[in-house]
Amino acid sequence: MYFPKTSTINNLYSNGELFFKGSNKPYKGFYYETYNSRYFVGKTPQDQIEQIELIKPQSSPNKTPSFEPQNFDKQPIDLRFSTRDNFNYSILKKEPLTETIYPLPIFNPNPTPQNYQIGEFRRYFAKKTNEEKYTEISLTTFNELKAQDPKYFFSQYIQFSLPWKLTGEKEQVARTNKNIIELTERQNNIFFLGRFLKFNYLQFYKN
């Protein structure tokens, strides 16, 4: 479903007052409102490939609202997204900014002379849980995701590492790195890692 930019109110935020449509689960995170008073997950219509609709429970003086967050055993589901800009909470919520979620920093590995002396080095990656989108990351970022650092939307990613062959007989190096990629895909139940690396099994190779 397509909504022109002028027909939506973007960058709204729910603290649990909205619910997933067809469910009794409260929603916590960004949402946008359409011209006909419908609500969807995401900061803008462009944030989500699949639109997830939200509802706002109606209440009346003589009737208890259909859904009351305080009656649930579970806490509101938090689906906050990594910010693409410096969104200012204080404008909409009229309160100080208490938390910022950063996108994963892109990392370009650079093997050291010691790595070439050993003949290999380790590479680190993060993959979106809901799509085949990869980012190569540093060891520092890898450890931060593993420790569930709140500055990242860590639940949105799985992280893994693999050894990468640097030296040796050229054909053997390419075959080894190809096998490592395929083994990593099987072990982590992921796909298209080789495509992300452009099938360049001799990247960083030195004879």
Protein backbone atom coordinates (compact mmCIF):
# COMPACT_ATOMS: atom_id res chain seq x y z
CA MET A 1 0.00 0.00 0.00
CA TYR A 2 1.49 3.35 -1.04
CA PHE A 3 1.01 6.59 0.88
CA PRO A 4 2.28 9.93 -0.48
CA LYS A 5 4.55 11.72 1.96
CA THR A 6 2.02 14.52 2.35
CA SER A 7 -0.68 12.09 3.48
CA THR A 8 1.08 10.76 6.59
CA ILE A 9 2.26 12.13 9.93
CA ASN A 10 5.69 10.63 10.52
CA ASN A 11 8.08 10.07 13.44
CA LEU A 12 5.38 9.47 16.04
CA TYR A 13 6.16 7.36 19.11
CA SER A 14 4.09 4.87 21.11
CA ASN A 15 4.88 3.98 24.73
CA GLY A 16 2.41 1.10 24.69
CA GLU A 17 -0.84 2.93 23.99
CA LEU A 18 -1.08 1.34 20.54
CA PHE A 19 -1.60 -2.37 19.92
CA PHE A 20 -0.85 -4.76 17.07
CA LYS A 21 -4.00 -5.20 15.01
CA GLY A 22 -5.64 -8.54 15.74
CA SER A 23 -3.57 -9.04 18.87
CA ASN A 24 -3.64 -8.00 22.52
CA LYS A 25 0.04 -7.12 22.49
CA PRO A 26 0.95 -3.47 23.11
CA TYR A 27 3.47 -1.81 20.83
CA LYS A 28 6.37 0.39 21.88
CA GLY A 29 8.34 2.22 19.18
CA PHE A 30 8.03 4.54 16.21
CA TYR A 31 4.89 4.69 14.09
CA TYR A 32 3.22 6.90 11.50
CA GLU A 33 -0.41 7.91 11.02
CA THR A 34 -2.14 8.06 7.63
CA TYR A 35 -4.62 10.63 6.37
CA ASN A 36 -7.54 8.30 7.27
CA SER A 37 -6.38 7.80 10.90
CA ARG A 38 -4.69 4.43 10.48
CA TYR A 39 -1.45 3.60 12.26
CA PHE A 40 1.54 1.56 11.04
CA VAL A 41 4.89 0.44 12.47
CA GLY A 42 7.88 2.54 11.37
CA LYS A 43 9.01 6.16 11.36
CA THR A 44 7.81 6.63 7.76
CA PRO A 45 6.02 4.46 5.15
CA GLN A 46 9.44 3.83 3.59
CA ASP A 47 10.83 2.17 6.76
CA GLN A 48 9.06 -1.16 6.39
CA ILE A 49 8.77 -3.52 3.42
CA GLU A 50 5.81 -5.22 5.10
CA GLN A 51 3.28 -2.86 6.66
CA ILE A 52 2.28 -3.81 10.19
CA GLU A 53 -0.92 -2.12 11.26
CA LEU A 54 -1.57 -0.85 14.78
CA ILE A 55 -4.79 0.10 16.52
CA LYS A 56 -5.72 2.53 19.28
CA PRO A 57 -8.25 1.02 21.74
CA GLN A 58 -11.47 2.98 22.10
CA SER A 59 -12.92 3.67 25.53
CA SER A 60 -16.13 5.19 26.87
CA PRO A 61 -17.26 6.44 30.33
CA ASN A 62 -19.32 3.28 30.89
CA LYS A 63 -16.97 0.75 29.42
CA THR A 64 -13.48 -0.39 30.25
CA PRO A 65 -11.12 -0.18 27.27
CA SER A 66 -10.83 -3.41 25.32
CA PHE A 67 -7.11 -3.62 26.00
CA GLU A 68 -5.38 -2.40 29.11
CA PRO A 69 -1.55 -2.68 29.06
CA GLN A 70 -1.40 -3.03 32.84
CA ASN A 71 -3.42 -6.27 32.69
CA PHE A 72 -0.80 -8.13 30.67
CA ASP A 73 1.96 -10.27 32.04
CA LYS A 74 4.29 -9.25 29.22
CA GLN A 75 5.86 -5.84 28.85
CA PRO A 76 5.11 -3.80 25.70
CA ILE A 77 6.99 -5.10 22.68
CA ASP A 78 9.78 -2.71 21.76
CA LEU A 79 10.37 -2.48 17.99
CA ARG A 80 12.41 0.70 17.91
CA PHE A 81 14.38 1.22 14.73
CA SER A 82 17.94 2.37 14.22
CA THR A 83 17.71 6.10 13.58
CA ARG A 84 18.57 7.38 10.09
CA ASP A 85 18.73 10.91 11.39
CA ASN A 86 19.11 12.73 14.69
CA PHE A 87 15.45 12.48 15.62
CA ASN A 88 14.67 14.81 18.50
CA TYR A 89 12.46 13.12 21.07
CA SER A 90 12.05 16.32 23.03
CA ILE A 91 10.04 17.92 20.19
CA LEU A 92 7.33 15.26 20.18
CA LYS A 93 7.54 13.95 23.74
CA LYS A 94 8.51 17.24 25.42
CA GLU A 95 11.06 15.41 27.51
CA PRO A 96 14.88 15.08 27.41
CA LEU A 97 16.47 12.62 25.04
CA THR A 98 17.32 9.57 27.14
CA GLU A 99 18.40 7.02 24.52
CA THR A 100 19.89 7.03 21.05
CA ILE A 101 20.10 3.92 18.87
CA TYR A 102 22.92 4.07 16.34
CA PRO A 103 23.28 2.25 13.01
CA LEU A 104 26.07 -0.30 12.80
CA PRO A 105 29.37 1.31 11.80
CA ILE A 106 30.71 -0.06 8.51
CA PHE A 107 34.18 -1.57 8.83
CA ASN A 108 36.78 -2.14 6.11
CA PRO A 109 39.23 -4.81 7.28
CA ASN A 110 42.94 -4.33 6.67
CA PRO A 111 45.09 -7.39 7.41
CA THR A 112 48.33 -6.62 9.26
CA PRO A 113 51.82 -7.90 8.37
CA GLN A 114 51.43 -10.29 11.31
CA ASN A 115 48.23 -11.66 9.75
CA TYR A 116 50.10 -12.35 6.50
CA GLN A 117 52.88 -14.00 8.42
CA ILE A 118 50.35 -16.30 10.06
CA GLY A 119 48.54 -16.77 6.74
CA GLU A 120 45.00 -15.87 7.81
CA PHE A 121 42.89 -13.46 9.88
CA ARG A 122 39.39 -13.36 11.30
CA ARG A 123 36.51 -11.37 9.80
CA TYR A 124 33.36 -10.29 11.66
CA PHE A 125 29.84 -9.80 10.32
CA ALA A 126 26.30 -8.87 11.35
CA LYS A 127 23.18 -9.91 9.45
CA LYS A 128 19.66 -8.52 9.75
CA THR A 129 17.43 -11.20 11.28
CA ASN A 130 14.54 -10.52 8.91
CA GLU A 131 16.39 -10.04 5.62
CA GLU A 132 19.53 -11.09 3.76
CA LYS A 133 21.40 -7.88 4.54
CA TYR A 134 24.98 -8.10 5.80
CA THR A 135 27.43 -5.63 7.31
CA GLU A 136 31.10 -6.32 7.91
CA ILE A 137 31.96 -5.05 11.37
CA SER A 138 34.97 -4.67 13.63
CA LEU A 139 35.80 -6.92 16.57
CA THR A 140 34.74 -4.07 18.88
CA THR A 141 31.29 -3.81 17.30
CA PHE A 142 31.01 -7.61 17.28
CA ASN A 143 31.64 -7.74 21.03
CA GLU A 144 29.22 -4.86 21.67
CA LEU A 145 26.44 -6.67 19.82
CA LYS A 146 27.24 -9.87 21.67
CA ALA A 147 27.03 -7.98 24.98
CA GLN A 148 23.68 -6.45 23.88
CA ASP A 149 24.94 -2.90 24.03
CA PRO A 150 21.80 -0.69 24.13
CA LYS A 151 23.28 1.84 21.70
CA TYR A 152 22.49 -0.70 18.94
CA PHE A 153 19.21 -2.41 18.11
CA PHE A 154 21.03 -5.67 18.87
CA SER A 155 17.96 -7.92 18.62
CA GLN A 156 17.74 -6.96 14.94
CA TYR A 157 21.02 -8.73 14.13
CA ILE A 158 22.82 -12.02 14.37
CA GLN A 159 26.59 -11.80 14.50
CA PHE A 160 29.20 -14.32 13.43
CA SER A 161 32.85 -14.54 12.45
CA LEU A 162 34.98 -16.65 10.14
CA PRO A 163 38.67 -17.26 9.41
CA TRP A 164 39.94 -15.93 6.10
CA LYS A 165 42.92 -17.42 4.28
CA LEU A 166 45.47 -14.86 3.06
CA THR A 167 48.47 -16.74 1.68
CA GLY A 168 49.39 -19.99 -0.02
CA GLU A 169 48.81 -21.59 -3.38
CA LYS A 170 46.28 -19.39 -5.20
CA GLU A 171 43.72 -22.02 -6.18
CA GLN A 172 43.89 -23.64 -2.77
CA VAL A 173 43.33 -20.30 -1.01
CA ALA A 174 40.26 -19.59 -3.15
CA ARG A 175 38.88 -23.09 -2.54
CA THR A 176 39.47 -22.82 1.22
CA ASN A 177 37.73 -19.45 1.55
CA LYS A 178 34.80 -20.66 -0.57
CA ASN A 179 34.41 -23.70 1.68
CA ILE A 180 34.60 -21.50 4.78
CA ILE A 181 31.78 -19.29 3.49
CA GLU A 182 29.56 -22.26 2.65
CA LEU A 183 30.25 -23.87 6.04
CA THR A 184 29.44 -20.59 7.82
CA GLU A 185 26.15 -20.34 5.95
CA ARG A 186 25.17 -23.86 6.98
CA GLN A 187 26.21 -23.42 10.61
CA ASN A 188 24.28 -20.16 11.01
CA ASN A 189 21.36 -21.05 8.73
CA ILE A 190 21.99 -18.00 6.54
CA PHE A 191 22.16 -17.43 2.79
CA PHE A 192 23.91 -15.26 0.20
CA LEU A 193 27.00 -14.45 2.28
CA GLY A 194 29.10 -15.32 -0.76
CA ARG A 195 27.08 -12.91 -2.86
CA PHE A 196 27.60 -10.17 -0.26
CA LEU A 197 31.36 -10.76 -0.55
CA LYS A 198 30.98 -10.68 -4.37
CA PHE A 199 32.34 -14.24 -4.53
CA ASN A 200 35.80 -12.74 -4.17
CA TYR A 201 37.52 -15.69 -2.50
CA LEU A 202 40.94 -14.12 -3.09
CA GLN A 203 40.21 -10.82 -1.35
CA PHE A 204 43.35 -9.63 0.50
CA TYR A 205 45.34 -12.51 -1.04
CA LYS A 206 49.11 -12.22 -1.37
CA ASN A 207 51.30 -14.78 -3.10
